[in-house]
Amino acid sequence: MASLERNKKILLDLVKQPGNNLCADCGAPEPDWASYTLGIFVCLNCSGTHRDLPAVSKVKSIRLDFWEDSLVEFMRESGNSAAKAFYEKFVPAFFYRPQQKDCIVLKDQWIRAKYERQEFTGENNLLQQTYNSDPFESTLWKKGKDNKQFLKRTFQLSQKDFTLRYFVREDSKSPKAVISMKDLSAVFQPEKIGHAHGLQISYLQEERTRNLFLYHQNGQVIVSWFNVIRKTRLAYLRKRHPAAQDSDLISQISKVYLKEGYMEKTGPMQWEPFKKRWFTLSSMDRKLLYFKTPLDATELGAVFIGTESHNYSVADGSPSGTRGGRGHFGITLQTPGRQFVFMCEQEQDQKEWLEAFKQVISQPMTPQDYATEASWRRGK
């Protein structure tokens, strides 16, 4: 019993040390599991993937399981920082490192890439084989533009001319679409798409946002697509901004959606009936987009959101005289050219939307933002 309590105390002290106090794989605070073959501390969620890799990693709870003296000594000699120095030594700048809130397939494949395939140790060429092939090509399941069916399509990504193509037939030489990397963004959306490996690709087509909804049954394949898109986007940004540092370009690779969900909106006169729409708000391009449904291929409209010094503001509630919708929690968004009124069904949604709007408004505008705003005003 003395050994049991002593070892538990040693482990609880070790997990508080810098580096060990965050999950080695997703950064979640206060991990309470450990891989006693890799010498790392991980959170409960990531420990699930480690259990699926018994030839590589074996896990125990640092609080509930029995720990032999030799295993505790190994954990003392190892730790998260030492493991990262080996298993993450050559992670490319473009490669996405999942965080606690990311979807399961991203975290699962990150763990497998590090420990099972050892892609980043420099001891094999798996990384080069995967991401240096040009064009990068495979079949993916794509949602039809005007229906709910997912159809198999061949996708081809060229890192030479910065384009993504897809073909209706495998033997076809003429692509259905050729998409530039200029405004392309990829983000995992498993809940929206209804598949654990669901990937959304967005891009501009004739100044309107177009969405592709994709998946592949194999998690490694879809995550490879996600990261090769990131690699190609980073190469495009490097070419466009040769003097910029990678640290400044990484945040521009893909959009971050601060908030998505249904709200009701009325027209510019504010006496028109409220209509339920699906909204997405991105901090990267400062745009609020709205669609009829979450899986619409093309936006119905967009609102650019600038800063307070440029006469943009947001407040809870709706103007007096506004014709009521089904929602009871109003939001008023003021822009230089128009006042927008939205209604949320739940107070929590209203709070989250207000917070997201305020975050964008407080964010300083870049030269690209000024150009986008000018273009948006001309196109209204």
Protein backbone atom coordinates (compact mmCIF):
# COMPACT_ATOMS: atom_id res chain seq x y z
CA MET A 1 0.00 0.00 0.00
CA ALA A 2 2.87 2.34 0.82
CA SER A 3 4.32 1.78 -2.66
CA LEU A 4 0.90 2.35 -4.26
CA GLU A 5 0.37 5.67 -2.50
CA ARG A 6 3.96 6.76 -3.09
CA ASN A 7 3.76 6.03 -6.83
CA LYS A 8 0.42 7.81 -7.14
CA LYS A 9 1.88 10.89 -5.46
CA ILE A 10 4.92 10.82 -7.78
CA LEU A 11 2.67 10.64 -10.84
CA LEU A 12 0.43 13.45 -9.59
CA ASP A 13 3.52 15.58 -9.03
CA LEU A 14 4.91 14.72 -12.48
CA VAL A 15 1.67 15.65 -14.25
CA LYS A 16 1.83 19.14 -12.72
CA GLN A 17 5.22 19.88 -14.25
CA PRO A 18 5.44 22.22 -17.28
CA GLY A 19 4.88 20.20 -20.44
CA ASN A 20 3.21 17.35 -18.61
CA ASN A 21 0.35 19.54 -17.37
CA LEU A 22 -1.22 19.59 -20.86
CA CYS A 23 -2.24 16.57 -22.93
CA ALA A 24 0.69 15.58 -25.15
CA ASP A 25 -1.62 15.26 -28.16
CA CYS A 26 -4.40 17.89 -27.97
CA GLY A 27 -3.24 20.30 -25.27
CA ALA A 28 -6.18 19.69 -22.93
CA PRO A 29 -5.39 20.80 -19.36
CA GLU A 30 -4.92 18.46 -16.42
CA PRO A 31 -4.43 15.11 -18.21
CA ASP A 32 -5.10 12.18 -15.92
CA TRP A 33 -4.03 9.29 -18.14
CA ALA A 34 -0.59 8.23 -19.29
CA SER A 35 0.99 6.01 -21.91
CA TYR A 36 3.51 3.98 -19.97
CA THR A 37 5.17 2.74 -23.18
CA LEU A 38 5.63 6.21 -24.70
CA GLY A 39 6.18 8.06 -21.43
CA ILE A 40 3.54 10.75 -22.01
CA PHE A 41 0.56 12.18 -20.14
CA VAL A 42 -2.69 12.42 -22.12
CA CYS A 43 -6.33 13.34 -21.59
CA LEU A 44 -9.19 10.85 -21.38
CA ASN A 45 -10.30 11.46 -24.99
CA CYS A 46 -6.85 10.96 -26.51
CA SER A 47 -6.26 7.90 -24.34
CA GLY A 48 -9.05 6.23 -26.34
CA THR A 49 -6.99 6.40 -29.54
CA HIS A 50 -3.92 5.16 -27.67
CA ARG A 51 -5.93 2.11 -26.56
CA ASP A 52 -6.53 1.35 -30.25
CA LEU A 53 -2.74 1.17 -30.80
CA PRO A 54 -1.73 -1.63 -28.40
CA ALA A 55 1.43 -2.42 -30.36
CA VAL A 56 2.61 1.16 -29.86
CA SER A 57 0.97 2.56 -26.75
CA LYS A 58 -0.50 1.21 -23.54
CA VAL A 59 -2.30 3.48 -21.10
CA LYS A 60 -3.22 3.63 -17.44
CA SER A 61 -5.11 6.09 -15.28
CA ILE A 62 -2.65 7.94 -13.05
CA ARG A 63 -5.30 8.07 -10.32
CA LEU A 64 -7.14 4.76 -10.48
CA ASP A 65 -4.72 2.12 -11.81
CA PHE A 66 -1.86 0.30 -10.12
CA TRP A 67 1.60 1.43 -11.23
CA GLU A 68 4.72 -0.67 -10.83
CA ASP A 69 7.85 1.10 -9.62
CA SER A 70 9.62 0.53 -12.94
CA LEU A 71 6.82 2.21 -14.91
CA VAL A 72 6.78 5.22 -12.60
CA GLU A 73 10.53 5.55 -12.99
CA PHE A 74 10.12 5.43 -16.79
CA MET A 75 7.53 8.21 -16.63
CA ARG A 76 9.92 10.23 -14.46
CA GLU A 77 12.71 9.82 -17.03
CA SER A 78 10.44 10.56 -20.01
CA GLY A 79 7.58 13.07 -20.13
CA ASN A 80 5.75 15.08 -22.75
CA SER A 81 8.56 17.46 -23.66
CA ALA A 82 11.02 14.65 -24.38
CA ALA A 83 8.42 12.78 -26.44
CA LYS A 84 7.55 15.89 -28.49
CA ALA A 85 11.24 16.50 -29.21
CA PHE A 86 11.39 13.06 -30.84
CA TYR A 87 7.95 12.35 -32.29
CA GLU A 88 7.26 15.93 -33.49
CA LYS A 89 10.79 16.86 -34.54
CA PHE A 90 9.96 17.42 -38.22
CA VAL A 91 6.30 18.46 -38.25
CA PRO A 92 5.91 20.69 -41.35
CA ALA A 93 4.73 24.28 -40.94
CA PHE A 94 1.51 23.55 -42.87
CA PHE A 95 0.54 20.47 -40.84
CA TYR A 96 -2.43 21.07 -38.57
CA ARG A 97 -1.85 20.26 -34.91
CA PRO A 98 -5.27 19.43 -33.40
CA GLN A 99 -6.53 21.13 -30.28
CA GLN A 100 -8.87 19.92 -27.57
CA LYS A 101 -12.07 21.06 -29.33
CA ASP A 102 -11.19 19.61 -32.74
CA CYS A 103 -13.09 16.67 -34.21
CA ILE A 104 -12.18 13.08 -33.46
CA VAL A 105 -10.72 12.18 -36.86
CA LEU A 106 -8.20 15.02 -36.71
CA LYS A 107 -6.95 14.01 -33.26
CA ASP A 108 -7.04 10.30 -34.10
CA GLN A 109 -4.92 10.71 -37.23
CA TRP A 110 -2.52 13.11 -35.50
CA ILE A 111 -1.84 10.48 -32.83
CA ARG A 112 -1.47 7.72 -35.41
CA ALA A 113 0.83 9.86 -37.57
CA LYS A 114 3.09 10.59 -34.59
CA TYR A 115 3.38 7.26 -32.86
CA GLU A 116 2.14 4.52 -35.20
CA ARG A 117 3.51 5.79 -38.54
CA GLN A 118 6.22 8.03 -37.01
CA GLU A 119 5.86 10.50 -39.84
CA PHE A 120 7.72 13.33 -38.12
CA THR A 121 10.80 11.63 -36.66
CA GLY A 122 12.87 11.87 -39.84
CA GLU A 123 13.46 8.13 -39.79
CA ASN A 124 11.22 7.30 -42.80
CA ASN A 125 9.93 9.04 -45.92
CA LEU A 126 6.20 8.50 -45.39
CA LEU A 127 5.63 12.23 -45.03
CA GLN A 128 7.35 13.01 -48.33
CA GLN A 129 5.53 10.20 -50.12
CA THR A 130 2.17 11.51 -48.98
CA TYR A 131 2.52 15.25 -49.43
CA ASN A 132 5.05 15.67 -52.24
CA SER A 133 3.07 13.82 -54.92
CA ASP A 134 1.84 16.26 -57.56
CA PRO A 135 -0.91 16.09 -58.51
CA PHE A 136 -2.42 14.71 -55.31
CA GLU A 137 -5.39 12.62 -56.41
CA SER A 138 -8.07 10.29 -55.07
CA THR A 139 -11.80 9.69 -55.11
CA LEU A 140 -13.98 11.40 -52.50
CA TRP A 141 -17.70 11.40 -51.82
CA LYS A 142 -19.23 14.79 -52.72
CA LYS A 143 -22.72 16.05 -51.94
CA GLY A 144 -24.72 16.90 -55.04
CA LYS A 145 -25.41 20.60 -55.56
CA ASP A 146 -29.19 20.31 -55.66
CA ASN A 147 -29.87 17.11 -53.72
CA LYS A 148 -28.85 15.28 -50.57
CA GLN A 149 -27.06 12.41 -52.29
CA PHE A 150 -23.30 11.97 -51.98
CA LEU A 151 -21.67 10.86 -55.22
CA LYS A 152 -18.17 9.51 -55.83
CA ARG A 153 -15.97 12.04 -57.61
CA THR A 154 -12.28 12.15 -58.53
CA PHE A 155 -10.42 15.09 -57.00
CA GLN A 156 -7.02 16.33 -58.13
CA LEU A 157 -4.93 18.97 -56.37
CA SER A 158 -2.06 20.60 -58.24
CA GLN A 159 0.69 22.28 -56.26
CA LYS A 160 2.22 23.59 -59.47
CA ASP A 161 -0.65 25.81 -60.62
CA PHE A 162 -2.44 26.06 -57.24
CA THR A 163 -5.73 24.54 -58.38
CA LEU A 164 -8.20 21.93 -57.16
CA ARG A 165 -10.10 20.03 -59.85
CA TYR A 166 -12.81 17.44 -59.66
CA PHE A 167 -14.17 15.11 -62.31
CA VAL A 168 -17.60 13.51 -62.65
CA ARG A 169 -16.17 10.37 -64.30
CA GLU A 170 -12.88 8.70 -63.48
CA ASP A 171 -11.92 8.48 -67.15
CA SER A 172 -12.87 12.06 -67.93
CA LYS A 173 -10.19 14.50 -69.06
CA SER A 174 -12.42 17.55 -68.62
CA PRO A 175 -12.93 18.65 -65.00
CA LYS A 176 -16.34 19.64 -63.73
CA ALA A 177 -14.69 22.56 -61.91
CA VAL A 178 -11.26 24.15 -61.61
CA ILE A 179 -10.92 25.97 -58.28
CA SER A 180 -8.15 28.43 -57.47
CA MET A 181 -6.28 28.30 -54.17
CA LYS A 182 -6.64 32.09 -53.92
CA ASP A 183 -9.68 32.05 -51.63
CA LEU A 184 -10.02 28.35 -50.88
CA SER A 185 -10.58 27.20 -47.31
CA ALA A 186 -11.02 23.72 -45.81
CA VAL A 187 -12.51 22.89 -42.42
CA PHE A 188 -13.85 19.71 -40.87
CA GLN A 189 -17.64 19.76 -40.31
CA PRO A 190 -18.66 16.23 -39.20
CA GLU A 191 -21.89 17.26 -37.46
CA LYS A 192 -23.08 19.49 -40.29
CA ILE A 193 -22.27 16.94 -43.01
CA GLY A 194 -23.49 13.97 -40.99
CA HIS A 195 -20.29 11.94 -41.32
CA ALA A 196 -17.40 11.60 -38.87
CA HIS A 197 -14.97 12.43 -41.69
CA GLY A 198 -16.97 15.31 -43.19
CA LEU A 199 -14.85 18.07 -44.79
CA GLN A 200 -16.18 21.40 -46.07
CA ILE A 201 -14.29 23.27 -48.80
CA SER A 202 -15.29 26.88 -49.47
CA TYR A 203 -14.14 29.23 -52.20
CA LEU A 204 -15.25 32.31 -54.13
CA GLN A 205 -16.98 31.93 -57.47
CA GLU A 206 -18.09 35.17 -59.14
CA GLU A 207 -17.79 36.96 -55.78
CA ARG A 208 -20.09 34.51 -54.00
CA THR A 209 -19.06 31.79 -51.57
CA ARG A 210 -19.46 28.27 -52.89
CA ASN A 211 -19.32 25.18 -50.65
CA LEU A 212 -18.31 21.60 -51.37
CA PHE A 213 -19.23 18.97 -48.78
CA LEU A 214 -17.01 15.89 -48.89
CA TYR A 215 -16.04 12.78 -46.98
CA HIS A 216 -14.01 9.60 -47.31
CA GLN A 217 -14.53 6.42 -45.32
CA ASN A 218 -10.83 6.26 -44.46
CA GLY A 219 -9.78 8.79 -41.83
CA GLN A 220 -6.16 8.87 -42.98
CA VAL A 221 -7.21 9.74 -46.54
CA ILE A 222 -9.48 12.65 -45.60
CA VAL A 223 -6.97 14.11 -43.12
CA SER A 224 -4.26 13.81 -45.77
CA TRP A 225 -6.47 15.82 -48.12
CA PHE A 226 -7.00 18.43 -45.43
CA ASN A 227 -3.27 18.81 -44.84
CA VAL A 228 -2.23 18.76 -48.50
CA ILE A 229 -4.74 21.57 -49.09
CA ARG A 230 -3.07 23.44 -46.23
CA LYS A 231 0.35 22.80 -47.78
CA THR A 232 -0.78 24.12 -51.16
CA ARG A 233 -2.46 27.15 -49.60
CA LEU A 234 0.71 27.98 -47.67
CA ALA A 235 2.79 27.66 -50.87
CA TYR A 236 0.34 30.00 -52.61
CA LEU A 237 0.57 32.55 -49.78
CA ARG A 238 4.37 32.35 -49.76
CA LYS A 239 4.43 33.13 -53.47
CA ARG A 240 1.96 35.97 -53.04
CA HIS A 241 3.74 37.42 -49.97
CA PRO A 242 7.43 36.52 -50.40
CA ALA A 243 8.61 38.80 -47.59
CA ALA A 244 6.16 37.46 -45.01
CA GLN A 245 7.10 35.01 -42.26
CA ASP A 246 5.42 31.61 -42.09
CA SER A 247 4.14 32.50 -38.64
CA ASP A 248 2.13 35.34 -40.20
CA LEU A 249 0.85 33.22 -43.08
CA ILE A 250 -0.29 30.15 -41.12
CA SER A 251 -3.34 31.96 -39.74
CA GLN A 252 -4.40 32.82 -43.32
CA ILE A 253 -4.40 29.25 -44.59
CA SER A 254 -8.00 28.51 -43.65
CA LYS A 255 -11.02 30.27 -42.24
CA VAL A 256 -11.97 30.03 -38.59
CA TYR A 257 -15.73 30.05 -38.09
CA LEU A 258 -16.41 31.87 -34.86
CA LYS A 259 -20.08 30.93 -34.90
CA GLU A 260 -22.54 29.02 -37.07
CA GLY A 261 -26.23 28.41 -36.64
CA TYR A 262 -29.77 29.41 -37.45
CA MET A 263 -31.14 32.92 -36.92
CA GLU A 264 -34.06 34.75 -38.45
CA LYS A 265 -33.51 37.89 -40.50
CA THR A 266 -35.77 40.56 -41.90
CA GLY A 267 -35.35 42.76 -44.96
CA PRO A 268 -33.86 46.27 -45.23
CA MET A 269 -37.18 48.00 -44.41
CA GLN A 270 -37.56 45.88 -41.24
CA TRP A 271 -41.26 45.35 -41.78
CA GLU A 272 -40.77 42.34 -44.04
CA PRO A 273 -41.49 38.90 -42.54
CA PHE A 274 -38.55 37.25 -40.75
CA LYS A 275 -37.06 34.28 -42.58
CA LYS A 276 -35.04 31.49 -40.99
CA ARG A 277 -31.53 31.29 -42.40
CA TRP A 278 -28.28 29.46 -41.64
CA PHE A 279 -25.48 31.91 -40.78
CA THR A 280 -21.71 31.53 -40.61
CA LEU A 281 -19.31 34.16 -39.26
CA SER A 282 -15.61 34.07 -40.17
CA SER A 283 -12.94 36.13 -38.43
CA MET A 284 -10.48 35.80 -41.34
CA ASP A 285 -12.51 37.61 -44.01
CA ARG A 286 -14.85 39.42 -41.57
CA LYS A 287 -17.96 38.17 -43.39
CA LEU A 288 -21.32 37.04 -42.11
CA LEU A 289 -22.72 34.65 -44.72
CA TYR A 290 -26.25 33.33 -44.81
CA PHE A 291 -27.77 30.29 -46.51
CA LYS A 292 -31.20 28.70 -46.61
CA THR A 293 -29.88 25.47 -45.07
CA PRO A 294 -26.52 24.38 -43.60
CA LEU A 295 -25.68 22.26 -46.68
CA ASP A 296 -26.44 24.83 -49.36
CA ALA A 297 -23.86 25.00 -52.12
CA THR A 298 -24.01 28.79 -52.58
CA GLU A 299 -24.57 31.69 -50.19
CA LEU A 300 -27.76 33.77 -50.40
CA GLY A 301 -25.93 36.87 -49.23
CA ALA A 302 -23.09 38.30 -47.17
CA VAL A 303 -22.46 41.17 -44.76
CA PHE A 304 -18.99 42.62 -44.30
CA ILE A 305 -18.22 43.59 -40.69
CA GLY A 306 -15.66 46.32 -40.08
CA THR A 307 -14.49 48.06 -36.90
CA GLU A 308 -16.21 50.44 -34.50
CA SER A 309 -14.13 53.35 -35.84
CA HIS A 310 -15.70 52.68 -39.25
CA ASN A 311 -19.25 52.84 -37.85
CA TYR A 312 -19.88 49.14 -37.25
CA SER A 313 -21.54 48.10 -34.00
CA VAL A 314 -23.74 45.40 -32.52
CA ALA A 315 -26.26 45.41 -29.67
CA ASP A 316 -28.85 43.09 -28.21
CA GLY A 317 -32.51 43.74 -28.89
CA SER A 318 -34.31 44.98 -31.98
CA PRO A 319 -35.58 48.45 -32.98
CA SER A 320 -39.09 49.40 -31.92
CA GLY A 321 -41.62 48.72 -34.63
CA THR A 322 -39.76 45.69 -35.97
CA ARG A 323 -42.18 43.02 -37.08
CA GLY A 324 -41.60 40.08 -34.74
CA GLY A 325 -40.29 36.68 -35.80
CA ARG A 326 -40.48 33.37 -33.99
CA GLY A 327 -37.35 34.22 -32.03
CA HIS A 328 -37.53 36.33 -28.90
CA PHE A 329 -33.89 37.38 -28.57
CA GLY A 330 -32.95 40.11 -30.98
CA ILE A 331 -29.61 41.35 -32.32
CA THR A 332 -29.09 44.63 -34.15
CA LEU A 333 -26.01 44.91 -36.35
CA GLN A 334 -25.23 48.43 -37.53
CA THR A 335 -23.14 48.99 -40.66
CA PRO A 336 -22.43 52.26 -42.51
CA GLY A 337 -25.05 51.46 -45.13
CA ARG A 338 -27.72 49.50 -43.31
CA GLN A 339 -29.09 48.23 -40.03
CA PHE A 340 -29.51 44.43 -39.87
CA VAL A 341 -31.93 42.81 -37.42
CA PHE A 342 -31.68 39.14 -36.42
CA MET A 343 -33.72 37.00 -34.05
CA CYS A 344 -32.47 34.00 -32.04
CA GLU A 345 -34.72 31.36 -30.52
CA GLN A 346 -32.52 30.85 -27.45
CA GLU A 347 -30.89 33.42 -25.18
CA GLN A 348 -27.64 31.42 -25.18
CA ASP A 349 -27.47 31.67 -28.98
CA GLN A 350 -27.99 35.41 -28.74
CA LYS A 351 -25.11 35.73 -26.27
CA GLU A 352 -22.79 33.63 -28.43
CA TRP A 353 -23.61 35.59 -31.59
CA LEU A 354 -23.12 38.91 -29.79
CA GLU A 355 -19.74 37.75 -28.50
CA ALA A 356 -18.69 36.59 -31.98
CA PHE A 357 -19.78 39.87 -33.61
CA LYS A 358 -17.94 41.91 -30.98
CA GLN A 359 -14.79 39.83 -31.49
CA VAL A 360 -14.74 40.64 -35.22
CA ILE A 361 -15.55 44.33 -34.67
CA SER A 362 -12.71 44.67 -32.14
CA GLN A 363 -10.22 43.05 -34.52
CA PRO A 364 -8.07 45.62 -36.44
CA MET A 365 -8.61 45.66 -40.20
CA THR A 366 -5.82 44.63 -42.56
CA PRO A 367 -5.13 46.16 -46.01
CA GLN A 368 -6.94 43.14 -47.50
CA ASP A 369 -9.94 43.89 -45.27
CA TYR A 370 -10.12 47.45 -46.60
CA ALA A 371 -10.05 46.13 -50.17
CA THR A 372 -12.77 43.58 -49.34
CA GLU A 373 -14.95 46.26 -47.75
CA ALA A 374 -14.58 48.56 -50.78
CA SER A 375 -15.46 45.69 -53.12
CA TRP A 376 -18.46 44.72 -50.99
CA ARG A 377 -19.81 48.28 -51.00
CA ARG A 378 -19.43 48.53 -54.78
CA GLY A 379 -21.30 45.27 -55.23
CA LYS A 380 -24.24 46.06 -52.97
